Amino acid sequence: MTNVSGELVFRRGKKVGKAVYQNRPLSKEGLSERLFALLFSGLVYPQIWEDPEVDIEAMQLAEGHRIVTIASGGCNILAYLTRSPARIDAVDLNAAHIALNKMKLAAVRHLPSQADLFRFFGTAGTEHNSHAYDRFIAPHLDTATRGYWERRNWRGKRRIATFDNNFYKTGLLGLFIAAGHRAAKLYGVDPAGIMATGNRAEQRRFFDEYLAPIFDRRALRWITSRKSSLFGLGIPPAQYDSLLTSGDGSMAGVLRARLEKLACDFPLENNYFAWQAFARRYPEPGEAALPAYLEQANYATIRDNIDRVAIHHANFTELLASKDAGSVDRYVLLDAQDWMSDVQLNALWSEITRTAAPGARVIFRTAAEPSLLPGRLSPALLDQWSYADEMSRDFTARDRSAIYGGFHLYVNKP
């Protein structure tokens, strides 16, 4: 088991490094990239931080579609199954995310009921989740995935035991949110206080009176001016630079605007992303909206379709290179292109264009507001796609996760 775990660390670090490294190792930028790759080699996203409802609408996802997506925390994959696509190929460079996705699929298949699935992934402080893993999930996992979840830390606890407490407080993202709560409390503000508001007007008042002033604090502005401060959001150095262009010239200003959208633009009862950010948990059933895969109404459909998903420890371009021409209907890139050089971007879109079925759709998000393709992608490739400008702006406004500057939709020309 130790050997397997060591191999996972080596392999995931190597794959992430290939995606991130753009500068010489001993340069300031190169050192920053290597620190990010080291941190990103572990679990980053315990849940995905893109809104699958927006994805499904933008893709016009329907029965029979063939999808290639980035896996991340896996909530998106399970949400897509509610539309009964023919196949979902999910890729990720991070072996921790691969292990999480494989375990999620096995949990949907083999936990006895929807209530058991919700206890495992939807609640905090359920001490017998690790026992449910041993009895129902572990026997159906491959050796590498079991090795990941059953590896013990210095206290002798297995990694799967995080599900006995609050799994969503783990990973880089969970630690980043926790650090934000601690920073706010140093200034006398408890971000969880927004959960006591009763409507959007009260949410706005709480943000303006308590949260917004924190971003004017000198210490916070200094900390967020360092690229490493956002590694916990999974934002590499190159994406930090892109993100900085979308605000008032300061990262504190950018973060303030994104938190304002999360806190103010959607009713709390409709936004489980806000629940995770402020309450540090998902709502209970009936309390507020849940991720699609945790809703009782979707359980039977998702379980019936679960065998349509394949998980790949590979990058997007590599996987597409193995597929036939015209064999993919929908592509979900998340924000991965923000990491890419022009060479990588053109290689990716060469494979997207080759494998795209008639009318194929590509969706992705960017840290900054505009699409990054014009001026970087070869005109010979870009001219084969139509950009849905007005729809993209509408989807950006309706993305409840609120942390991206732009949502973008491209449609393959007839």
Protein backbone atom coordinates (compact mmCIF):
# COMPACT_ATOMS: atom_id res chain seq x y z
CA MET A 1 0.00 0.00 0.00
CA THR A 2 2.84 2.37 0.79
CA ASN A 3 4.35 1.71 -2.61
CA VAL A 4 1.05 2.39 -4.35
CA SER A 5 0.55 5.67 -2.48
CA GLY A 6 4.06 6.78 -3.28
CA GLU A 7 3.49 6.06 -6.96
CA LEU A 8 0.30 8.12 -6.89
CA VAL A 9 2.12 11.12 -5.44
CA PHE A 10 4.90 10.85 -8.00
CA ARG A 11 2.56 10.45 -10.96
CA ARG A 12 0.15 13.22 -10.03
CA GLY A 13 2.96 15.65 -9.26
CA LYS A 14 4.59 14.91 -12.60
CA LYS A 15 1.36 15.41 -14.58
CA VAL A 16 0.44 18.64 -12.78
CA GLY A 17 3.95 19.98 -13.27
CA LYS A 18 3.75 19.45 -17.03
CA ALA A 19 0.58 21.55 -17.10
CA VAL A 20 1.88 24.37 -14.89
CA TYR A 21 5.59 24.87 -15.64
CA GLN A 22 6.18 27.71 -18.08
CA ASN A 23 9.35 29.33 -16.66
CA ARG A 24 12.91 28.33 -15.74
CA PRO A 25 13.10 26.34 -12.47
CA LEU A 26 15.25 28.82 -10.55
CA SER A 27 13.48 31.98 -11.70
CA LYS A 28 11.05 33.70 -9.34
CA GLU A 29 8.14 32.69 -11.56
CA GLY A 30 9.47 29.14 -11.94
CA LEU A 31 9.79 28.66 -8.18
CA SER A 32 6.25 29.90 -7.71
CA GLU A 33 4.98 27.43 -10.33
CA ARG A 34 6.78 24.55 -8.62
CA LEU A 35 5.37 25.45 -5.22
CA PHE A 36 1.90 25.47 -6.74
CA ALA A 37 2.46 22.09 -8.42
CA LEU A 38 3.60 20.63 -5.09
CA LEU A 39 0.49 21.88 -3.29
CA PHE A 40 -1.78 20.87 -6.17
CA SER A 41 -0.51 17.28 -6.06
CA GLY A 42 -2.83 16.61 -3.09
CA LEU A 43 -6.58 17.02 -2.80
CA VAL A 44 -7.62 20.51 -3.92
CA TYR A 45 -11.39 20.45 -4.48
CA PRO A 46 -13.51 18.31 -2.14
CA GLN A 47 -16.45 19.57 -4.22
CA ILE A 48 -16.52 21.22 -7.62
CA TRP A 49 -16.81 25.00 -7.64
CA GLU A 50 -18.59 25.46 -10.96
CA ASP A 51 -22.37 25.49 -11.27
CA PRO A 52 -23.56 22.31 -13.06
CA GLU A 53 -27.04 23.77 -13.64
CA VAL A 54 -25.54 26.50 -15.80
CA ASP A 55 -23.38 23.90 -17.56
CA ILE A 56 -26.37 21.70 -18.40
CA GLU A 57 -28.39 24.60 -19.80
CA ALA A 58 -25.48 26.00 -21.84
CA MET A 59 -24.67 22.59 -23.30
CA GLN A 60 -28.35 21.86 -24.04
CA LEU A 61 -27.43 18.49 -22.60
CA ALA A 62 -29.71 15.68 -23.70
CA GLU A 63 -30.01 11.93 -23.84
CA GLY A 64 -27.39 10.29 -26.04
CA HIS A 65 -24.76 13.04 -25.90
CA ARG A 66 -21.10 12.07 -25.54
CA ILE A 67 -19.23 14.33 -23.12
CA VAL A 68 -15.59 14.90 -22.27
CA THR A 69 -15.08 16.90 -19.08
CA ILE A 70 -12.53 17.66 -16.41
CA ALA A 71 -13.40 15.67 -13.29
CA SER A 72 -12.39 17.98 -10.41
CA GLY A 73 -14.57 17.14 -7.38
CA GLY A 74 -17.00 15.09 -9.47
CA CYS A 75 -20.29 16.81 -8.55
CA ASN A 76 -20.60 17.99 -12.18
CA ILE A 77 -20.26 14.48 -13.63
CA LEU A 78 -23.05 13.13 -11.44
CA ALA A 79 -25.26 16.14 -12.25
CA TYR A 80 -24.81 15.53 -15.99
CA LEU A 81 -26.08 11.97 -15.53
CA THR A 82 -29.53 13.38 -14.73
CA ARG A 83 -29.84 14.05 -18.49
CA SER A 84 -28.89 10.46 -19.45
CA PRO A 85 -25.95 11.17 -21.80
CA ALA A 86 -24.56 8.19 -23.68
CA ARG A 87 -21.08 8.50 -22.16
CA ILE A 88 -19.00 10.79 -19.96
CA ASP A 89 -15.21 10.66 -20.14
CA ALA A 90 -13.81 12.57 -17.16
CA VAL A 91 -10.12 13.48 -17.05
CA ASP A 92 -7.94 14.97 -14.35
CA LEU A 93 -4.23 15.47 -13.78
CA ASN A 94 -4.61 15.20 -10.01
CA ALA A 95 -4.60 11.61 -8.71
CA ALA A 96 -6.41 12.70 -5.52
CA HIS A 97 -9.31 13.89 -7.67
CA ILE A 98 -9.19 10.63 -9.61
CA ALA A 99 -9.45 8.70 -6.32
CA LEU A 100 -12.34 10.89 -5.15
CA ASN A 101 -14.27 10.42 -8.39
CA LYS A 102 -13.79 6.67 -8.45
CA MET A 103 -14.91 6.44 -4.85
CA LYS A 104 -17.98 8.59 -5.58
CA LEU A 105 -19.01 6.38 -8.47
CA ALA A 106 -18.62 3.27 -6.32
CA ALA A 107 -20.63 4.92 -3.54
CA VAL A 108 -23.53 5.66 -5.89
CA ARG A 109 -23.43 2.09 -7.19
CA HIS A 110 -23.08 0.23 -3.91
CA LEU A 111 -24.35 2.21 -0.91
CA PRO A 112 -27.74 0.72 -0.05
CA SER A 113 -29.92 3.82 -0.41
CA GLN A 114 -30.11 7.52 -1.23
CA ALA A 115 -30.17 8.30 2.49
CA ASP A 116 -26.83 6.50 2.86
CA LEU A 117 -25.39 8.47 -0.07
CA PHE A 118 -26.56 11.73 1.48
CA ARG A 119 -25.09 10.81 4.87
CA PHE A 120 -21.76 10.07 3.22
CA PHE A 121 -21.42 13.17 1.01
CA GLY A 122 -24.02 15.61 2.29
CA THR A 123 -23.69 15.74 6.06
CA ALA A 124 -20.94 16.52 8.55
CA GLY A 125 -20.11 14.56 11.69
CA THR A 126 -21.42 11.12 10.70
CA GLU A 127 -18.99 8.86 12.49
CA HIS A 128 -19.94 5.61 10.79
CA ASN A 129 -19.21 6.79 7.22
CA SER A 130 -15.81 5.11 7.25
CA HIS A 131 -17.53 1.86 8.29
CA ALA A 132 -19.94 2.24 5.37
CA TYR A 133 -16.89 2.69 3.15
CA ASP A 134 -15.35 -0.57 4.44
CA ARG A 135 -18.52 -2.58 4.02
CA PHE A 136 -20.07 -1.25 0.82
CA ILE A 137 -17.50 0.77 -1.17
CA ALA A 138 -13.96 -0.50 -0.61
CA PRO A 139 -14.50 -4.03 -2.00
CA HIS A 140 -15.38 -2.49 -5.37
CA LEU A 141 -12.39 -0.14 -5.72
CA ASP A 142 -9.16 -0.73 -7.63
CA THR A 143 -5.93 -1.13 -5.68
CA ALA A 144 -4.65 2.41 -6.27
CA THR A 145 -7.91 4.05 -5.18
CA ARG A 146 -8.12 1.92 -2.04
CA GLY A 147 -4.49 2.76 -1.35
CA TYR A 148 -5.30 6.46 -1.47
CA TRP A 149 -8.30 6.34 0.88
CA GLU A 150 -6.82 3.83 3.31
CA ARG A 151 -3.41 5.43 3.70
CA ARG A 152 -2.78 6.44 7.32
CA ASN A 153 -1.48 9.79 8.55
CA TRP A 154 1.02 10.36 11.34
CA ARG A 155 -1.78 9.90 13.88
CA GLY A 156 -2.62 6.49 12.46
CA LYS A 157 -5.96 7.60 11.00
CA ARG A 158 -6.95 6.55 7.53
CA ARG A 159 -7.70 9.22 4.96
CA ILE A 160 -11.27 7.94 4.55
CA ALA A 161 -11.91 8.99 8.16
CA THR A 162 -12.26 12.59 6.97
CA PHE A 163 -15.80 11.59 5.95
CA ASP A 164 -16.58 10.89 9.61
CA ASN A 165 -16.18 14.61 10.31
CA ASN A 166 -16.53 17.30 7.61
CA PHE A 167 -14.85 16.28 4.37
CA TYR A 168 -15.52 19.74 2.88
CA LYS A 169 -13.16 21.37 5.35
CA THR A 170 -10.30 19.40 3.81
CA GLY A 171 -8.32 19.91 0.62
CA LEU A 172 -6.70 23.17 -0.41
CA LEU A 173 -10.08 24.77 -1.05
CA GLY A 174 -11.43 23.78 2.37
CA LEU A 175 -8.32 25.13 4.07
CA PHE A 176 -8.54 28.37 2.06
CA ILE A 177 -12.14 28.95 3.13
CA ALA A 178 -11.19 28.20 6.75
CA ALA A 179 -8.35 30.73 6.53
CA GLY A 180 -10.81 33.31 5.22
CA HIS A 181 -13.11 32.71 8.20
CA ARG A 182 -10.20 33.05 10.63
CA ALA A 183 -9.05 36.28 8.99
CA ALA A 184 -12.56 37.76 9.19
CA LYS A 185 -12.88 36.81 12.86
CA LEU A 186 -9.63 38.64 13.61
CA TYR A 187 -11.52 41.76 12.55
CA GLY A 188 -14.55 40.84 14.65
CA VAL A 189 -16.69 39.45 11.82
CA ASP A 190 -18.17 35.93 11.64
CA PRO A 191 -18.98 35.23 7.96
CA ALA A 192 -21.50 32.58 9.06
CA GLY A 193 -23.67 35.43 10.35
CA ILE A 194 -25.02 35.94 6.85
CA MET A 195 -26.91 32.64 7.22
CA ALA A 196 -29.27 34.34 9.69
CA THR A 197 -30.49 36.80 7.05
CA GLY A 198 -33.95 36.30 5.62
CA ASN A 199 -33.76 37.73 2.11
CA ARG A 200 -31.41 39.25 -0.45
CA ALA A 201 -31.83 42.76 0.94
CA GLU A 202 -30.59 41.55 4.31
CA GLN A 203 -27.78 39.61 2.61
CA ARG A 204 -26.71 42.85 0.90
CA ARG A 205 -26.79 44.75 4.17
CA PHE A 206 -24.66 42.11 5.91
CA PHE A 207 -22.11 42.18 3.11
CA ASP A 208 -21.86 45.98 2.99
CA GLU A 209 -21.65 46.42 6.76
CA TYR A 210 -19.47 43.50 7.77
CA LEU A 211 -17.69 41.72 4.91
CA ALA A 212 -16.83 44.48 2.43
CA PRO A 213 -14.77 46.61 4.89
CA ILE A 214 -12.39 43.68 5.51
CA PHE A 215 -11.02 44.03 1.99
CA ASP A 216 -9.82 47.57 2.77
CA ARG A 217 -7.57 46.32 5.57
CA ARG A 218 -3.90 46.86 4.80
CA ALA A 219 -2.79 43.43 5.98
CA LEU A 220 -5.30 41.61 3.79
CA ARG A 221 -4.39 43.71 0.76
CA TRP A 222 -0.71 42.90 1.31
CA ILE A 223 -1.33 39.17 1.73
CA THR A 224 -3.52 38.88 -1.36
CA SER A 225 -0.95 40.76 -3.45
CA ARG A 226 1.19 37.59 -3.22
CA LYS A 227 0.43 34.98 -5.86
CA SER A 228 0.82 32.16 -3.37
CA SER A 229 -2.11 33.51 -1.35
CA LEU A 230 -4.56 32.09 -3.91
CA PHE A 231 -2.97 28.67 -4.33
CA GLY A 232 -5.69 27.41 -1.98
CA LEU A 233 -8.27 28.27 -4.63
CA GLY A 234 -6.34 26.18 -7.13
CA ILE A 235 -5.19 29.32 -8.94
CA PRO A 236 -1.68 28.95 -10.42
CA PRO A 237 0.61 31.96 -11.00
CA ALA A 238 -0.42 32.43 -14.66
CA GLN A 239 -4.11 32.49 -13.72
CA TYR A 240 -3.43 34.96 -10.89
CA ASP A 241 -2.13 37.44 -13.49
CA SER A 242 -5.25 36.94 -15.60
CA LEU A 243 -7.51 37.36 -12.59
CA LEU A 244 -5.82 40.61 -11.65
CA THR A 245 -6.86 42.23 -14.94
CA SER A 246 -10.56 41.86 -14.12
CA GLY A 247 -10.79 44.25 -11.17
CA ASP A 248 -9.51 47.55 -9.84
CA GLY A 249 -5.85 46.59 -10.12
CA SER A 250 -5.69 44.91 -6.71
CA MET A 251 -6.40 41.29 -5.88
CA ALA A 252 -8.29 42.40 -2.78
CA GLY A 253 -10.65 44.32 -5.04
CA VAL A 254 -11.17 41.30 -7.29
CA LEU A 255 -11.89 39.01 -4.35
CA ARG A 256 -14.28 41.56 -2.85
CA ALA A 257 -16.28 41.68 -6.08
CA ARG A 258 -16.46 37.90 -6.36
CA LEU A 259 -17.53 37.49 -2.73
CA GLU A 260 -20.13 40.22 -3.22
CA LYS A 261 -21.72 38.22 -6.03
CA LEU A 262 -21.73 35.06 -3.92
CA ALA A 263 -23.21 36.86 -0.90
CA CYS A 264 -25.71 39.12 -2.64
CA ASP A 265 -26.78 37.98 -6.10
CA PHE A 266 -28.66 34.78 -5.22
CA PRO A 267 -31.06 33.87 -2.40
CA LEU A 268 -29.27 31.65 0.10
CA GLU A 269 -31.98 29.02 -0.19
CA ASN A 270 -31.04 28.57 -3.87
CA ASN A 271 -27.25 28.58 -3.55
CA TYR A 272 -25.45 25.64 -1.95
CA PHE A 273 -22.10 27.25 -2.91
CA ALA A 274 -22.87 30.06 -0.45
CA TRP A 275 -23.74 27.48 2.20
CA GLN A 276 -20.32 25.89 1.81
CA ALA A 277 -18.55 29.25 1.83
CA PHE A 278 -20.37 30.76 4.80
CA ALA A 279 -21.97 27.91 6.80
CA ARG A 280 -19.23 25.37 5.93
CA ARG A 281 -21.79 22.66 5.15
CA TYR A 282 -24.52 21.68 2.73
CA PRO A 283 -28.16 22.31 3.68
CA GLU A 284 -30.26 19.51 5.09
CA PRO A 285 -32.95 18.13 2.73
CA GLY A 286 -35.79 20.64 2.58
CA GLU A 287 -33.66 23.40 4.10
CA ALA A 288 -32.32 24.75 0.80
CA ALA A 289 -31.17 23.60 -2.65
CA LEU A 290 -28.65 20.76 -2.79
CA PRO A 291 -26.19 19.60 -5.45
CA ALA A 292 -28.12 17.61 -8.04
CA TYR A 293 -26.53 14.30 -7.11
CA LEU A 294 -27.70 14.65 -3.50
CA GLU A 295 -31.33 15.41 -4.37
CA GLN A 296 -33.68 12.50 -3.75
CA ALA A 297 -35.52 13.13 -7.04
CA ASN A 298 -32.36 12.49 -9.09
CA TYR A 299 -31.10 9.41 -7.29
CA ALA A 300 -32.67 6.67 -9.41
CA THR A 301 -31.67 8.29 -12.72
CA ILE A 302 -28.08 8.85 -11.64
CA ARG A 303 -27.72 5.33 -10.31
CA ASP A 304 -29.19 3.85 -13.51
CA ASN A 305 -26.68 5.82 -15.58
CA ILE A 306 -23.59 5.49 -13.38
CA ASP A 307 -21.89 2.93 -15.64
CA ARG A 308 -21.78 5.48 -18.45
CA VAL A 309 -18.87 7.30 -16.74
CA ALA A 310 -15.18 6.55 -17.31
CA ILE A 311 -12.47 8.26 -15.22
CA HIS A 312 -9.04 8.90 -16.79
CA HIS A 313 -5.80 10.07 -15.17
CA ALA A 314 -4.75 12.06 -18.23
CA ASN A 315 -4.96 15.52 -19.70
CA PHE A 316 -7.73 16.64 -22.02
CA THR A 317 -5.65 16.72 -25.19
CA GLU A 318 -4.21 13.24 -24.60
CA LEU A 319 -7.64 11.73 -24.18
CA LEU A 320 -9.08 13.42 -27.26
CA ALA A 321 -6.13 12.22 -29.34
CA SER A 322 -7.29 8.65 -28.69
CA LYS A 323 -10.82 9.32 -29.97
CA ASP A 324 -12.25 9.10 -33.47
CA ALA A 325 -13.10 12.14 -35.55
CA GLY A 326 -16.61 13.49 -34.90
CA SER A 327 -17.10 11.35 -31.80
CA VAL A 328 -17.74 13.98 -29.08
CA ASP A 329 -20.82 16.19 -28.63
CA ARG A 330 -20.00 18.27 -25.55
CA TYR A 331 -16.75 19.50 -23.98
CA VAL A 332 -16.39 20.95 -20.45
CA LEU A 333 -13.00 22.60 -19.89
CA LEU A 334 -13.71 24.30 -16.54
CA ASP A 335 -10.95 26.95 -16.18
CA ALA A 336 -8.06 24.74 -17.38
CA GLN A 337 -7.21 26.96 -20.34
CA ASP A 338 -6.14 29.75 -17.99
CA TRP A 339 -3.15 27.56 -17.19
CA MET A 340 -2.13 26.96 -20.79
CA SER A 341 0.52 28.37 -23.09
CA ASP A 342 -0.44 29.24 -26.68
CA VAL A 343 1.11 25.99 -27.88
CA GLN A 344 -0.95 23.93 -25.43
CA LEU A 345 -4.10 25.89 -26.27
CA ASN A 346 -3.77 25.29 -30.01
CA ALA A 347 -2.98 21.60 -29.50
CA LEU A 348 -6.11 21.24 -27.36
CA TRP A 349 -8.40 22.97 -29.86
CA SER A 350 -6.92 21.03 -32.76
CA GLU A 351 -8.15 17.86 -31.05
CA ILE A 352 -11.46 19.44 -30.04
CA THR A 353 -12.12 20.50 -33.62
CA ARG A 354 -11.10 17.12 -35.03
CA THR A 355 -13.28 15.12 -32.63
CA ALA A 356 -16.28 17.50 -32.62
CA ALA A 357 -19.58 16.13 -33.91
CA PRO A 358 -21.80 18.50 -35.92
CA GLY A 359 -23.25 21.12 -33.57
CA ALA A 360 -20.83 20.24 -30.76
CA ARG A 361 -20.64 22.68 -27.87
CA VAL A 362 -17.65 23.71 -25.74
CA ILE A 363 -18.05 25.47 -22.40
CA PHE A 364 -15.37 26.89 -20.15
CA ARG A 365 -14.74 29.51 -17.51
CA THR A 366 -12.03 32.16 -17.17
CA ALA A 367 -10.65 34.09 -14.24
CA ALA A 368 -10.90 37.33 -16.20
CA GLU A 369 -14.08 38.35 -18.00
CA PRO A 370 -13.30 38.01 -21.74
CA SER A 371 -12.74 34.79 -23.63
CA LEU A 372 -9.04 34.04 -23.92
CA LEU A 373 -9.25 32.46 -27.39
CA PRO A 374 -9.18 35.52 -29.71
CA GLY A 375 -5.59 36.49 -30.48
CA ARG A 376 -4.20 33.25 -29.07
CA LEU A 377 -5.96 30.50 -30.99
CA SER A 378 -5.13 29.99 -34.65
CA PRO A 379 -7.74 31.71 -36.88
CA ALA A 380 -8.00 28.47 -38.88
CA LEU A 381 -9.31 26.77 -35.72
CA LEU A 382 -11.29 29.64 -34.23
CA ASP A 383 -13.15 30.25 -37.50
CA GLN A 384 -14.75 26.81 -37.19
CA TRP A 385 -16.58 27.87 -34.01
CA SER A 386 -19.24 30.44 -33.21
CA TYR A 387 -19.04 32.36 -29.93
CA ALA A 388 -22.38 32.80 -28.16
CA ASP A 389 -21.60 36.25 -26.76
CA GLU A 390 -24.95 37.28 -25.28
CA MET A 391 -25.68 33.82 -23.90
CA SER A 392 -22.20 33.64 -22.36
CA ARG A 393 -22.76 36.90 -20.50
CA ASP A 394 -26.12 35.64 -19.24
CA PHE A 395 -24.63 32.36 -18.03
CA THR A 396 -21.80 34.26 -16.32
CA ALA A 397 -24.35 36.27 -14.35
CA ARG A 398 -26.27 33.14 -13.34
CA ASP A 399 -23.31 30.99 -12.24
CA ARG A 400 -24.02 30.61 -8.52
CA SER A 401 -20.42 29.71 -7.64
CA ALA A 402 -19.62 33.38 -8.36
CA ILE A 403 -15.83 33.05 -8.44
CA TYR A 404 -15.19 33.30 -12.20
CA GLY A 405 -15.04 36.41 -14.33
CA GLY A 406 -16.47 34.76 -17.44
CA PHE A 407 -18.47 31.76 -18.63
CA HIS A 408 -18.03 31.03 -22.34
CA LEU A 409 -19.94 28.96 -24.89
CA TYR A 410 -18.65 28.03 -28.35
CA VAL A 411 -20.71 26.09 -30.92
CA ASN A 412 -19.31 24.11 -33.82
CA LYS A 413 -20.30 25.71 -37.14
CA PRO A 414 -22.32 23.61 -39.58
